[in-house]
Amino acid sequence: MIHRIAVATCLFASFAEAEDKTPEPPKILAVAPLRLVVGETQTVRLRGLKLKDVTEVRSTPPMALSVKEKKDAALPNGLTPKDAGDQELVVEVIVPADCPAKTVSLEVVTPGGTTIPREFAIVPKDEEAREKEPNNGFREAQAWDTGKPMAGSIDADKDVDVFRVEGHAGKTLAVRVVAAAAGSLAIDPNLSVFDADGRLRSSADDSPGIGNNPQIRIVPQRDGPLFIVVSDANDRGGAWHEYRLETQP
């Protein structure tokens, strides 16, 4: 009986060891940019694990695309391969001018498996504003027409982006930052609003129900400029730390 138990235990251990050796599938952990523009040929960078084994990149809905480069990727400060990935694919994507879709998903196919699809927003041309440096303080604040989402980036460690909007007494201003949920390495963005006197009116790191995509709603007591500040709570930045600043109803 003891011999049988020992054999069974050995077999179970061998099975468990075989299970542990099952290869991990490829993963997409970050992307840049976070959105694609209708009617443009764009370079999309996909960052993750085991991506260099790519045999195909698929899109839904189907679009013309091709792999231009596959390489190892240096780790950003303070992050591990598990957090940020250590390989990168550069893919050229053509979004048709008559594309009716609001989103497109990309997935990487390898011999070891297929990644979970990564979804990108598709935006019409000229319907999105772009952040411009320098905008690191109130005096350098970039004017923002809140009718258009703002595509920005925390370009380097300790970078701060400041935007100036016109506040109106009694009219709610609701803004949010979309980052990690869209594929950015800006894992913990911070959002703040200051009044014309430089006083902090509101600040958010995480927001209930949406995790680390912070949002703020304030009602100004007077007309005048408001300053919206986007930063990273961990003071991290780089080429993969993009974000999208949006207003809400």
Protein backbone atom coordinates (compact mmCIF):
# COMPACT_ATOMS: atom_id res chain seq x y z
CA MET A 1 0.00 0.00 0.00
CA ILE A 2 2.81 2.38 0.92
CA HIS A 3 4.51 1.61 -2.40
CA ARG A 4 1.32 2.42 -4.34
CA ILE A 5 0.90 5.71 -2.49
CA ALA A 6 4.50 6.64 -3.24
CA VAL A 7 4.05 5.86 -6.94
CA ALA A 8 0.81 7.86 -7.08
CA THR A 9 2.48 10.79 -5.34
CA CYS A 10 5.38 10.66 -7.81
CA LEU A 11 3.01 10.58 -10.78
CA PHE A 12 1.03 13.54 -9.42
CA ALA A 13 4.25 15.51 -8.87
CA SER A 14 5.37 14.77 -12.42
CA PHE A 15 1.97 15.88 -13.76
CA ALA A 16 2.09 19.07 -11.73
CA GLU A 17 5.62 19.77 -12.96
CA ALA A 18 4.48 19.26 -16.55
CA GLU A 19 1.60 21.66 -15.93
CA ASP A 20 4.01 24.25 -14.56
CA LYS A 21 6.08 24.01 -17.75
CA THR A 22 3.15 24.96 -19.97
CA PRO A 23 4.44 27.94 -21.98
CA GLU A 24 2.97 31.32 -21.16
CA PRO A 25 1.02 32.85 -24.07
CA PRO A 26 2.13 36.19 -25.57
CA LYS A 27 0.76 39.34 -23.97
CA ILE A 28 0.26 42.95 -25.03
CA LEU A 29 0.87 45.14 -21.97
CA ALA A 30 1.12 48.63 -23.49
CA VAL A 31 0.44 50.44 -26.74
CA ALA A 32 1.25 53.77 -28.36
CA PRO A 33 -0.61 55.72 -29.56
CA LEU A 34 -3.85 55.06 -27.67
CA ARG A 35 -6.04 55.87 -30.68
CA LEU A 36 -6.04 55.72 -34.48
CA VAL A 37 -7.16 58.43 -36.90
CA VAL A 38 -9.58 57.87 -39.77
CA GLY A 39 -7.98 58.04 -43.20
CA GLU A 40 -4.36 57.89 -42.02
CA THR A 41 -1.49 55.42 -42.24
CA GLN A 42 -0.14 55.13 -38.70
CA THR A 43 2.67 53.45 -36.85
CA VAL A 44 1.43 51.51 -33.83
CA ARG A 45 3.80 50.16 -31.20
CA LEU A 46 2.80 47.11 -29.17
CA ARG A 47 4.77 46.28 -26.04
CA GLY A 48 4.59 43.07 -24.05
CA LEU A 49 5.85 39.52 -23.59
CA LYS A 50 6.83 36.97 -26.27
CA LEU A 51 5.80 39.27 -29.11
CA LYS A 52 8.94 38.71 -31.22
CA ASP A 53 7.65 35.24 -32.13
CA VAL A 54 4.88 36.91 -34.15
CA THR A 55 3.61 35.10 -37.23
CA GLU A 56 0.65 37.39 -37.89
CA VAL A 57 -1.14 40.48 -36.58
CA ARG A 58 -4.91 40.52 -37.03
CA SER A 59 -7.38 43.37 -36.79
CA THR A 60 -11.12 43.48 -36.16
CA PRO A 61 -12.61 44.93 -38.32
CA PRO A 62 -10.05 43.90 -40.96
CA MET A 63 -7.62 46.65 -41.99
CA ALA A 64 -4.44 46.74 -44.05
CA LEU A 65 -1.49 46.24 -41.69
CA SER A 66 2.05 44.93 -41.66
CA VAL A 67 4.78 44.23 -39.10
CA LYS A 68 7.67 46.65 -39.64
CA GLU A 69 9.93 45.76 -36.72
CA LYS A 70 10.24 43.38 -33.77
CA LYS A 71 12.80 43.95 -31.05
CA ASP A 72 13.72 43.84 -27.39
CA ALA A 73 12.49 46.80 -25.36
CA ALA A 74 14.34 48.53 -22.52
CA LEU A 75 12.47 48.61 -19.22
CA PRO A 76 11.14 51.97 -17.99
CA ASN A 77 12.35 53.12 -14.57
CA GLY A 78 10.78 51.22 -11.69
CA LEU A 79 8.94 48.64 -13.81
CA THR A 80 9.55 44.91 -14.35
CA PRO A 81 8.95 42.76 -17.45
CA LYS A 82 5.75 41.53 -15.81
CA ASP A 83 4.54 45.15 -15.52
CA ALA A 84 5.71 46.55 -18.84
CA GLY A 85 6.91 43.72 -21.06
CA ASP A 86 10.36 43.39 -22.59
CA GLN A 87 9.59 43.06 -26.31
CA GLU A 88 8.11 45.42 -28.89
CA LEU A 89 6.37 45.16 -32.24
CA VAL A 90 6.08 48.08 -34.65
CA VAL A 91 3.02 47.70 -36.88
CA GLU A 92 1.82 49.91 -39.72
CA VAL A 93 -1.97 50.25 -39.81
CA ILE A 94 -4.06 51.92 -42.51
CA VAL A 95 -7.49 53.12 -41.34
CA PRO A 96 -9.71 53.64 -44.41
CA ALA A 97 -11.12 57.11 -44.99
CA ASP A 98 -14.62 55.62 -45.08
CA CYS A 99 -14.15 53.51 -41.94
CA PRO A 100 -17.47 53.47 -40.01
CA ALA A 101 -16.08 51.70 -36.93
CA LYS A 102 -15.52 53.53 -33.63
CA THR A 103 -12.89 51.03 -32.44
CA VAL A 104 -10.46 48.49 -33.85
CA SER A 105 -8.87 45.53 -32.06
CA LEU A 106 -5.40 44.15 -32.76
CA GLU A 107 -4.15 40.73 -31.72
CA VAL A 108 -0.73 39.12 -32.16
CA VAL A 109 -0.54 35.50 -33.29
CA THR A 110 2.51 33.38 -32.31
CA PRO A 111 3.29 29.63 -32.19
CA GLY A 112 2.78 29.84 -28.42
CA GLY A 113 -0.72 31.33 -28.68
CA THR A 114 -2.62 34.50 -29.49
CA THR A 115 -2.75 37.64 -27.37
CA ILE A 116 -5.93 38.98 -25.86
CA PRO A 117 -7.17 41.60 -28.38
CA ARG A 118 -6.15 45.19 -27.61
CA GLU A 119 -8.80 47.75 -28.51
CA PHE A 120 -8.01 51.21 -29.94
CA ALA A 121 -10.43 54.12 -30.29
CA ILE A 122 -10.83 55.45 -33.83
CA VAL A 123 -11.21 59.23 -34.02
CA PRO A 124 -12.10 61.46 -36.98
CA LYS A 125 -9.31 63.61 -38.35
CA ASP A 126 -9.04 67.08 -36.76
CA GLU A 127 -11.46 66.15 -33.97
CA GLU A 128 -8.75 65.69 -31.36
CA ALA A 129 -6.34 68.21 -29.84
CA ARG A 130 -2.66 67.41 -29.30
CA GLU A 131 -0.58 68.36 -26.29
CA LYS A 132 2.35 70.68 -27.02
CA GLU A 133 5.40 71.24 -24.85
CA PRO A 134 6.39 73.28 -22.95
CA ASN A 135 3.28 73.29 -20.77
CA ASN A 136 4.81 72.55 -17.38
CA GLY A 137 3.33 75.38 -15.32
CA PHE A 138 0.54 77.94 -15.07
CA ARG A 139 2.45 80.51 -17.13
CA GLU A 140 3.08 77.95 -19.89
CA ALA A 141 -0.38 76.38 -19.70
CA GLN A 142 -1.71 75.18 -23.05
CA ALA A 143 -5.14 76.53 -23.98
CA TRP A 144 -7.62 73.71 -24.38
CA ASP A 145 -10.91 73.85 -26.27
CA THR A 146 -12.79 71.28 -24.23
CA GLY A 147 -14.95 70.44 -27.23
CA LYS A 148 -12.09 68.18 -28.39
CA PRO A 149 -10.38 65.41 -26.40
CA MET A 150 -6.71 66.14 -25.68
CA ALA A 151 -4.10 63.52 -26.60
CA GLY A 152 -1.10 63.95 -24.30
CA SER A 153 1.95 62.22 -22.90
CA ILE A 154 3.92 62.26 -19.66
CA ASP A 155 7.15 62.55 -21.62
CA ALA A 156 9.68 62.01 -18.84
CA ASP A 157 9.95 61.29 -15.13
CA LYS A 158 8.38 64.12 -13.09
CA ASP A 159 6.82 65.71 -16.20
CA VAL A 160 3.68 67.78 -15.53
CA ASP A 161 1.20 68.92 -18.20
CA VAL A 162 -0.95 72.01 -17.55
CA PHE A 163 -4.00 73.04 -19.59
CA ARG A 164 -6.00 76.27 -19.35
CA VAL A 165 -9.79 76.27 -19.78
CA GLU A 166 -12.43 78.92 -19.23
CA GLY A 167 -14.58 78.31 -16.19
CA HIS A 168 -18.11 79.72 -15.89
CA ALA A 169 -19.89 80.40 -12.60
CA GLY A 170 -22.46 77.72 -11.82
CA LYS A 171 -21.57 75.59 -14.86
CA THR A 172 -20.20 72.14 -14.04
CA LEU A 173 -16.80 71.20 -15.43
CA ALA A 174 -16.29 67.44 -15.58
CA VAL A 175 -12.97 66.04 -16.81
CA ARG A 176 -11.28 62.66 -16.75
CA VAL A 177 -7.98 61.05 -17.74
CA VAL A 178 -7.96 57.75 -19.63
CA ALA A 179 -4.58 56.02 -19.58
CA ALA A 180 -3.87 52.50 -18.32
CA ALA A 181 -7.28 51.19 -19.37
CA ALA A 182 -6.45 52.18 -22.96
CA GLY A 183 -2.99 50.60 -22.90
CA SER A 184 -0.73 53.30 -21.47
CA LEU A 185 2.10 52.69 -19.00
CA ALA A 186 0.84 55.78 -17.14
CA ILE A 187 -0.41 53.29 -14.59
CA ASP A 188 -1.33 55.82 -11.89
CA PRO A 189 -2.16 59.25 -13.38
CA ASN A 190 -3.07 62.15 -11.14
CA LEU A 191 -5.59 64.84 -12.12
CA SER A 192 -5.90 68.24 -10.41
CA VAL A 193 -7.80 71.49 -11.02
CA PHE A 194 -6.59 74.90 -9.79
CA ASP A 195 -8.34 78.26 -9.95
CA ALA A 196 -6.93 81.54 -11.32
CA ASP A 197 -5.34 82.30 -7.93
CA GLY A 198 -3.40 79.04 -7.95
CA ARG A 199 -5.58 77.43 -5.29
CA LEU A 200 -6.25 73.71 -5.57
CA ARG A 201 -9.95 73.19 -6.21
CA SER A 202 -9.99 69.41 -6.61
CA SER A 203 -7.64 66.47 -7.09
CA ALA A 204 -8.11 62.79 -7.95
CA ASP A 205 -5.76 59.83 -8.19
CA ASP A 206 -8.27 56.98 -8.39
CA SER A 207 -12.02 57.28 -8.92
CA PRO A 208 -14.67 54.88 -7.57
CA GLY A 209 -15.79 52.32 -10.13
CA ILE A 210 -13.17 53.19 -12.76
CA GLY A 211 -9.93 52.50 -10.89
CA ASN A 212 -6.93 54.50 -11.98
CA ASN A 213 -8.67 56.64 -14.61
CA PRO A 214 -9.30 59.67 -12.37
CA GLN A 215 -12.17 62.06 -12.93
CA ILE A 216 -13.18 65.38 -11.39
CA ARG A 217 -16.45 67.34 -11.33
CA ILE A 218 -16.42 70.91 -10.02
CA VAL A 219 -18.78 73.90 -10.19
CA PRO A 220 -16.83 77.20 -10.37
CA GLN A 221 -18.12 80.01 -8.18
CA ARG A 222 -16.99 82.69 -10.63
CA ASP A 223 -16.02 83.17 -14.25
CA GLY A 224 -12.34 82.88 -15.06
CA PRO A 225 -9.56 80.54 -16.06
CA LEU A 226 -9.09 77.11 -14.54
CA PHE A 227 -5.90 75.09 -14.77
CA ILE A 228 -6.07 71.34 -15.30
CA VAL A 229 -2.90 69.49 -14.31
CA VAL A 230 -2.03 65.93 -15.40
CA SER A 231 0.91 64.08 -13.84
CA ASP A 232 1.94 60.60 -12.76
CA ALA A 233 1.46 59.80 -9.09
CA ASN A 234 4.71 57.82 -9.12
CA ASP A 235 6.62 60.54 -11.04
CA ARG A 236 7.21 58.13 -13.93
CA GLY A 237 7.13 59.09 -17.59
CA GLY A 238 8.36 58.14 -21.03
CA ALA A 239 7.39 57.28 -24.58
CA TRP A 240 4.74 54.78 -23.43
CA HIS A 241 3.05 57.09 -20.92
CA GLU A 242 0.31 58.52 -23.13
CA TYR A 243 -3.11 59.63 -21.90
CA ARG A 244 -6.36 61.07 -23.17
CA LEU A 245 -7.92 64.03 -21.36
CA GLU A 246 -11.68 64.28 -21.92
CA THR A 247 -14.68 66.26 -20.73
CA GLN A 248 -17.87 64.53 -19.65
CA PRO A 249 -21.52 65.57 -19.66
